[in-house]
N, C-alpha and C. Protein backbone atom coordinates (compact mmCIF):
# COMPACT_ATOMS: atom_id res chain seq x y z
N MET A 1 11.98 15.81 -9.85
CA MET A 1 11.02 15.35 -9.27
C MET A 1 10.92 14.09 -8.59
N VAL A 2 10.35 14.17 -8.03
CA VAL A 2 10.21 12.48 -7.35
C VAL A 2 9.12 12.41 -6.32
N LYS A 3 8.37 11.30 -6.44
CA LYS A 3 6.92 11.11 -6.15
C LYS A 3 7.40 9.96 -5.36
N THR A 4 6.77 10.10 -3.57
CA THR A 4 6.97 9.14 -2.61
C THR A 4 6.59 9.31 -1.38
N LEU A 5 6.32 8.27 -0.60
CA LEU A 5 5.84 8.18 0.58
C LEU A 5 3.77 8.62 0.51
N ASN A 6 3.50 8.55 -0.97
CA ASN A 6 1.99 9.05 -0.53
C ASN A 6 0.99 7.97 -0.40
N THR A 7 1.46 6.99 -0.17
CA THR A 7 0.74 5.57 -0.18
C THR A 7 1.00 5.11 1.46
N VAL A 8 1.06 5.69 1.96
CA VAL A 8 1.70 5.62 3.67
C VAL A 8 1.24 6.74 4.18
N LEU A 9 0.90 6.85 5.33
CA LEU A 9 -0.06 7.70 6.74
C LEU A 9 1.71 8.65 6.87
N SER A 10 1.19 9.48 7.47
CA SER A 10 2.23 10.18 8.36
C SER A 10 3.43 9.67 8.87
N PRO A 11 2.73 8.70 10.58
CA PRO A 11 3.19 8.25 11.04
C PRO A 11 4.37 7.31 11.01
N VAL A 12 3.74 6.30 9.66
CA VAL A 12 4.39 5.43 9.21
C VAL A 12 5.70 6.34 8.16
N MET A 13 5.61 7.29 7.39
CA MET A 13 6.54 7.52 6.33
C MET A 13 7.74 8.20 7.28
N ALA A 14 7.86 8.58 8.64
CA ALA A 14 9.21 8.33 9.22
C ALA A 14 9.83 7.16 10.04
N ASN A 15 8.54 6.42 10.33
CA ASN A 15 9.10 4.79 11.22
C ASN A 15 8.26 3.95 11.22
N PRO A 16 8.97 3.61 9.28
CA PRO A 16 8.36 2.32 8.82
C PRO A 16 7.84 1.05 10.09
N ASP A 17 9.05 0.78 10.86
CA ASP A 17 8.71 -0.39 11.84
C ASP A 17 7.61 -0.43 12.72
N LEU A 18 7.08 0.83 12.44
CA LEU A 18 5.31 1.04 13.38
C LEU A 18 4.24 -0.44 12.94
N LEU A 19 4.62 -0.96 11.50
CA LEU A 19 3.96 -1.56 11.27
C LEU A 19 4.62 -3.11 12.04
N ARG A 20 3.45 -4.21 11.85
CA ARG A 20 4.04 -5.79 11.95
C ARG A 20 4.52 -6.48 10.92
N SER A 21 4.23 -6.17 9.85
CA SER A 21 5.18 -7.04 8.77
C SER A 21 5.57 -5.24 7.50
N PRO A 22 6.65 -5.64 6.95
CA PRO A 22 7.14 -4.87 5.79
C PRO A 22 6.06 -4.07 4.90
N ALA A 23 6.22 -2.84 4.80
CA ALA A 23 5.25 -2.43 3.74
C ALA A 23 6.02 -1.97 2.07
N THR A 24 5.66 -1.41 1.38
CA THR A 24 6.48 -1.07 -0.05
C THR A 24 6.02 0.37 -0.15
N VAL A 25 7.05 1.36 -0.11
CA VAL A 25 7.10 2.76 -0.30
C VAL A 25 7.57 2.61 -1.92
N PHE A 26 6.46 3.60 -2.67
CA PHE A 26 7.20 3.66 -4.15
C PHE A 26 7.56 4.70 -4.32
N VAL A 27 8.55 4.81 -5.16
CA VAL A 27 9.19 5.57 -5.81
C VAL A 27 9.13 6.05 -6.86
N SER A 28 8.62 7.72 -7.60
CA SER A 28 8.33 7.90 -9.78
C SER A 28 9.54 9.18 -9.73
N GLY A 29 9.43 9.03 -10.65
CA GLY A 29 10.80 10.09 -10.98
C GLY A 29 11.70 9.31 -12.49
N ASN A 30 11.75 10.54 -12.72
CA ASN A 30 11.87 11.04 -14.47
C ASN A 30 13.74 11.32 -14.12
N ASP A 31 14.52 11.25 -13.08
CA ASP A 31 15.81 11.52 -12.87
C ASP A 31 16.42 10.38 -11.87
N ASP A 32 17.60 10.01 -12.55
CA ASP A 32 17.64 8.74 -11.74
C ASP A 32 18.26 9.24 -10.81
N GLY A 33 19.10 10.54 -11.04
CA GLY A 33 20.24 10.87 -9.35
C GLY A 33 19.15 11.07 -8.51
N ALA A 34 17.91 12.03 -8.63
CA ALA A 34 16.93 12.45 -7.62
C ALA A 34 16.88 11.23 -7.21
N LYS A 35 16.01 10.16 -8.13
CA LYS A 35 15.40 9.22 -7.26
C LYS A 35 17.16 8.47 -6.27
N ALA A 36 18.24 8.51 -6.74
CA ALA A 36 18.92 8.02 -5.68
C ALA A 36 19.20 8.70 -4.46
N VAL A 37 18.80 9.82 -4.46
CA VAL A 37 18.92 10.55 -3.17
C VAL A 37 17.37 10.51 -2.43
N THR A 38 16.24 9.52 -3.10
CA THR A 38 15.73 9.79 -3.12
C THR A 38 15.49 8.25 -1.64
N ARG A 39 16.01 7.38 -2.44
CA ARG A 39 16.03 6.04 -1.89
C ARG A 39 17.44 5.81 -0.86
N GLU A 40 17.94 6.91 -0.68
CA GLU A 40 18.63 7.25 0.59
C GLU A 40 18.25 8.09 1.80
N LEU A 41 17.35 8.76 1.39
CA LEU A 41 16.65 9.37 2.10
C LEU A 41 15.76 8.48 2.83
N LEU A 42 15.27 7.57 2.24
CA LEU A 42 13.73 6.42 2.79
C LEU A 42 15.10 5.43 3.65
N ARG A 43 16.31 5.38 3.48
CA ARG A 43 16.90 4.68 3.85
C ARG A 43 17.29 5.17 5.20
N ASP A 44 17.15 6.08 5.37
CA ASP A 44 17.29 7.42 6.16
C ASP A 44 16.25 7.28 7.52
N LEU A 45 15.28 7.12 7.09
CA LEU A 45 13.98 6.99 7.88
C LEU A 45 13.71 5.65 8.47
N GLY A 46 14.06 4.55 7.65
CA GLY A 46 13.94 3.36 8.38
C GLY A 46 13.59 2.47 6.90
N TRP A 47 13.42 2.74 5.61
CA TRP A 47 13.24 1.75 4.93
C TRP A 47 14.01 1.35 4.30
N SER A 48 14.04 -0.39 4.11
CA SER A 48 14.90 -1.14 3.90
C SER A 48 14.93 -1.14 2.33
N ASP A 49 15.93 -1.39 1.09
CA ASP A 49 15.69 -1.36 0.56
C ASP A 49 15.03 -2.43 -1.09
N ARG A 50 14.61 -3.55 0.32
CA ARG A 50 13.57 -4.54 -0.39
C ARG A 50 12.06 -3.72 -0.45
N SER A 51 12.17 -3.19 0.76
CA SER A 51 10.32 -1.91 0.73
C SER A 51 10.80 -0.62 -0.45
N ILE A 52 11.35 -0.59 -1.19
CA ILE A 52 11.48 0.29 -1.89
C ILE A 52 11.03 0.09 -3.12
N GLU A 53 10.38 0.45 -3.76
CA GLU A 53 10.16 -0.50 -5.42
C GLU A 53 9.39 0.94 -6.17
N ASP A 54 11.01 1.00 -6.79
CA ASP A 54 11.01 2.21 -7.91
C ASP A 54 10.01 1.78 -9.13
N LEU A 55 9.40 2.85 -9.40
CA LEU A 55 8.07 2.35 -10.72
C LEU A 55 8.78 3.08 -11.90
N GLY A 56 9.71 3.42 -12.23
CA GLY A 56 9.99 4.29 -13.35
C GLY A 56 9.62 5.57 -12.73
N ARG A 57 9.41 6.06 -14.56
CA ARG A 57 8.71 7.55 -14.68
C ARG A 57 7.83 8.58 -14.04
N ILE A 58 8.18 9.94 -14.04
CA ILE A 58 6.82 10.39 -12.65
C ILE A 58 5.58 10.01 -13.13
N ASN A 59 5.18 9.87 -14.78
CA ASN A 59 3.76 9.17 -14.50
C ASN A 59 3.39 7.99 -14.11
N SER A 60 4.33 7.61 -13.34
CA SER A 60 3.96 6.54 -12.71
C SER A 60 2.99 6.25 -11.30
N ALA A 61 3.77 8.15 -10.94
CA ALA A 61 3.24 8.13 -9.67
C ALA A 61 1.42 8.30 -9.53
N ARG A 62 0.69 8.62 -10.68
CA ARG A 62 -0.34 8.22 -11.20
C ARG A 62 -1.07 6.89 -10.54
N GLY A 63 -0.63 6.24 -10.57
CA GLY A 63 -1.43 4.91 -9.99
C GLY A 63 -1.38 4.88 -8.74
N THR A 64 0.19 5.37 -8.24
CA THR A 64 0.01 5.55 -6.62
C THR A 64 -1.45 6.42 -6.17
N GLU A 65 -1.44 7.53 -6.35
CA GLU A 65 -2.48 8.11 -6.40
C GLU A 65 -3.86 7.47 -5.80
N ALA A 66 -3.83 6.63 -7.05
CA ALA A 66 -5.32 5.61 -7.18
C ALA A 66 -5.13 4.96 -6.08
N LEU A 67 -4.00 4.02 -5.25
CA LEU A 67 -3.95 3.61 -4.60
C LEU A 67 -4.61 4.14 -3.19
N ILE A 68 -3.84 5.17 -2.69
CA ILE A 68 -4.35 5.72 -1.42
C ILE A 68 -6.27 6.02 -1.63
N LEU A 69 -6.61 6.22 -2.61
CA LEU A 69 -8.19 5.98 -2.73
C LEU A 69 -8.56 4.47 -2.13
N LEU A 70 -8.27 3.76 -1.19
CA LEU A 70 -8.62 2.99 -0.36
C LEU A 70 -8.59 3.39 1.00
N ALA A 71 -7.94 4.68 1.44
CA ALA A 71 -7.75 4.43 2.71
C ALA A 71 -8.92 4.99 3.21
N PRO A 72 -9.65 5.90 2.76
CA PRO A 72 -11.10 5.68 3.88
C PRO A 72 -11.74 4.94 4.10
N TYR A 73 -11.84 3.74 3.00
CA TYR A 73 -12.31 2.84 3.14
C TYR A 73 -11.74 1.65 4.22
N LEU A 74 -10.85 1.44 4.53
CA LEU A 74 -9.39 0.94 5.22
C LEU A 74 -9.95 1.43 6.74
N ILE A 75 -10.23 2.87 6.90
CA ILE A 75 -10.08 3.20 7.91
C ILE A 75 -11.77 2.95 8.25
N ARG A 76 -12.47 3.02 7.93
CA ARG A 76 -14.16 3.10 8.15
C ARG A 76 -13.90 1.61 8.63
N SER A 77 -13.94 1.02 8.22
CA SER A 77 -13.81 -0.30 7.95
C SER A 77 -13.37 -1.34 9.70
N LYS A 78 -12.04 -0.80 9.41
CA LYS A 78 -10.95 -1.17 10.45
C LYS A 78 -10.78 -0.46 11.40
N GLY A 79 -10.88 1.18 11.67
CA GLY A 79 -10.43 2.31 12.47
C GLY A 79 -9.31 2.88 11.87
N PHE A 80 -8.81 4.11 12.77
CA PHE A 80 -7.68 4.35 12.15
C PHE A 80 -6.90 3.68 13.03
N ALA A 81 -5.47 3.45 12.60
CA ALA A 81 -4.40 2.93 12.46
C ALA A 81 -3.41 3.06 11.71
N ASN A 82 -2.13 2.62 12.33
CA ASN A 82 -1.42 3.48 11.27
C ASN A 82 -1.22 1.54 9.87
N PHE A 83 -1.30 1.80 9.01
CA PHE A 83 -1.24 1.00 7.70
C PHE A 83 -0.53 1.19 6.84
N ALA A 84 -0.21 0.41 5.84
CA ALA A 84 0.44 0.38 4.52
C ALA A 84 -0.09 -0.05 3.70
N LEU A 85 0.83 -0.22 2.10
CA LEU A 85 0.65 -1.42 1.39
C LEU A 85 1.95 -2.14 1.33
N SER A 86 1.67 -3.40 0.68
CA SER A 86 3.35 -3.85 0.57
C SER A 86 2.38 -4.82 -0.95
N VAL A 87 3.87 -5.02 -1.49
CA VAL A 87 3.88 -5.86 -3.04
C VAL A 87 4.72 -7.39 -2.35
N VAL A 88 3.71 -8.32 -2.31
CA VAL A 88 4.82 -9.65 -1.90
C VAL A 88 4.56 -9.87 -3.24
N ARG A 89 5.99 -10.82 -3.13
CA ARG A 89 6.44 -11.66 -4.04
C ARG A 89 6.68 -12.21 -4.28
């Protein structure tokens, strides 16, 4: 089992180029092979390797679930628009 794409709105999931700047998509899972397949599928959707952030084991998905709690507040303050989070290094 692999968890991903739970911090982006559905239009952005399949077309990350809708955003003005690159977003980060998080990947959590216990099986390295399954995560490799997931990364390949994400690349097929247009996510770059630099945008894919492997958080480790599946229990890390709890953290990404908490991130999406920001969505209703962002929508209320900015209006409904395509958005996603980005890890900046």
